[in-house]
Amino acid sequence: MAKRKSVTKNPNQTTDGQNGGIVSLTKELFQVAITLRGSVEPSDYKRYVLPIIFLRFLSLRYG
């Protein structure tokens, strides 16, 4: 019989529901958000994000 090679998994690429996949997804989403933000200053970012959060709340509440 041939021996199997032991394969080590990258903890950020789990497929069995562990937090590693969520961590890598969160990091990637934050990086995309920073890229999409572009030239908007972080202090002015709330002017764009808070209305979106509020509309999402209304959508979940009354939609």
C-alpha atoms as a PDB file:
ATOM      1  CA  MET A   1       0.000   0.000   0.000  1.00  0.00           C
ATOM      2  CA  ALA A   2       1.147   3.510  -0.744  1.00  0.00           C
ATOM      3  CA  LYS A   3       1.368   5.977   2.066  1.00  0.00           C
ATOM      4  CA  ARG A   4      -0.699   9.123   1.899  1.00  0.00           C
ATOM      5  CA  LYS A   5       1.027  12.450   2.048  1.00  0.00           C
ATOM      6  CA  SER A   6      -0.031  14.574   4.953  1.00  0.00           C
ATOM      7  CA  VAL A   7      -1.513  17.786   3.699  1.00  0.00           C
ATOM      8  CA  THR A   8      -1.514  20.846   5.901  1.00  0.00           C
ATOM      9  CA  LYS A   9      -4.385  23.231   5.418  1.00  0.00           C
ATOM     10  CA  ASN A  10      -4.059  26.950   5.406  1.00  0.00           C
ATOM     11  CA  PRO A  11      -6.132  28.077   8.427  1.00  0.00           C
ATOM     12  CA  ASN A  12      -7.619  30.926   6.380  1.00  0.00           C
ATOM     13  CA  GLN A  13      -9.025  28.513   3.783  1.00  0.00           C
ATOM     14  CA  THR A  14     -11.207  26.217   5.834  1.00  0.00           C
ATOM     15  CA  THR A  15     -14.209  24.552   4.292  1.00  0.00           C
ATOM     16  CA  ASP A  16     -15.690  22.929   7.355  1.00  0.00           C
ATOM     17  CA  GLY A  17     -17.255  26.030   8.910  1.00  0.00           C
ATOM     18  CA  GLN A  18     -14.396  27.201  11.108  1.00  0.00           C
ATOM     19  CA  ASN A  19     -13.627  30.877  11.648  1.00  0.00           C
ATOM     20  CA  GLY A  20     -10.574  30.910   9.382  1.00  0.00           C
ATOM     21  CA  GLY A  21     -12.654  31.460   6.270  1.00  0.00           C
ATOM     22  CA  ILE A  22     -14.585  34.263   7.936  1.00  0.00           C
ATOM     23  CA  VAL A  23     -11.389  35.976   9.028  1.00  0.00           C
ATOM     24  CA  SER A  24      -9.940  35.967   5.523  1.00  0.00           C
ATOM     25  CA  LEU A  25     -13.259  37.125   4.065  1.00  0.00           C
ATOM     26  CA  THR A  26     -13.435  39.983   6.569  1.00  0.00           C
ATOM     27  CA  LYS A  27      -9.891  41.084   5.741  1.00  0.00           C
ATOM     28  CA  GLU A  28     -10.652  40.994   2.025  1.00  0.00           C
ATOM     29  CA  LEU A  29     -13.902  42.948   2.434  1.00  0.00           C
ATOM     30  CA  PHE A  30     -12.160  45.652   4.469  1.00  0.00           C
ATOM     31  CA  GLN A  31      -9.446  45.928   1.823  1.00  0.00           C
ATOM     32  CA  VAL A  32     -12.083  46.291  -0.913  1.00  0.00           C
ATOM     33  CA  ALA A  33     -13.910  48.929   1.134  1.00  0.00           C
ATOM     34  CA  ILE A  34     -10.687  50.921   1.515  1.00  0.00           C
ATOM     35  CA  THR A  35     -10.073  50.676  -2.226  1.00  0.00           C
ATOM     36  CA  LEU A  36     -13.628  51.737  -3.100  1.00  0.00           C
ATOM     37  CA  ARG A  37     -13.504  54.615  -0.645  1.00  0.00           C
ATOM     38  CA  GLY A  38     -10.862  56.224  -2.826  1.00  0.00           C
ATOM     39  CA  SER A  39     -10.325  59.902  -2.126  1.00  0.00           C
ATOM     40  CA  VAL A  40     -13.010  60.255   0.553  1.00  0.00           C
ATOM     41  CA  GLU A  41     -11.472  61.134   3.910  1.00  0.00           C
ATOM     42  CA  PRO A  42     -12.195  58.660   6.746  1.00  0.00           C
ATOM     43  CA  SER A  43     -13.865  61.404   8.781  1.00  0.00           C
ATOM     44  CA  ASP A  44     -16.267  62.164   5.896  1.00  0.00           C
ATOM     45  CA  TYR A  45     -16.945  58.493   5.239  1.00  0.00           C
ATOM     46  CA  LYS A  46     -19.774  58.512   7.797  1.00  0.00           C
ATOM     47  CA  ARG A  47     -21.784  60.788   5.488  1.00  0.00           C
ATOM     48  CA  TYR A  48     -21.951  57.964   2.979  1.00  0.00           C
ATOM     49  CA  VAL A  49     -22.148  54.929   5.232  1.00  0.00           C
ATOM     50  CA  LEU A  50     -24.706  55.986   7.861  1.00  0.00           C
ATOM     51  CA  PRO A  51     -27.516  56.662   5.335  1.00  0.00           C
ATOM     52  CA  ILE A  52     -26.881  53.255   3.761  1.00  0.00           C
ATOM     53  CA  ILE A  53     -27.088  51.573   7.173  1.00  0.00           C
ATOM     54  CA  PHE A  54     -30.291  53.482   7.935  1.00  0.00           C
ATOM     55  CA  LEU A  55     -31.862  52.473   4.609  1.00  0.00           C
ATOM     56  CA  ARG A  56     -30.891  48.859   5.273  1.00  0.00           C
ATOM     57  CA  PHE A  57     -32.583  49.069   8.681  1.00  0.00           C
ATOM     58  CA  LEU A  58     -35.765  50.447   7.074  1.00  0.00           C
ATOM     59  CA  SER A  59     -35.650  47.751   4.437  1.00  0.00           C
ATOM     60  CA  LEU A  60     -35.416  44.994   7.057  1.00  0.00           C
ATOM     61  CA  ARG A  61     -38.015  46.596   9.316  1.00  0.00           C
ATOM     62  CA  TYR A  62     -40.719  47.416   6.764  1.00  0.00           C
ATOM     63  CA  GLY A  63     -39.746  45.402   3.718  1.00  0.00           C
END
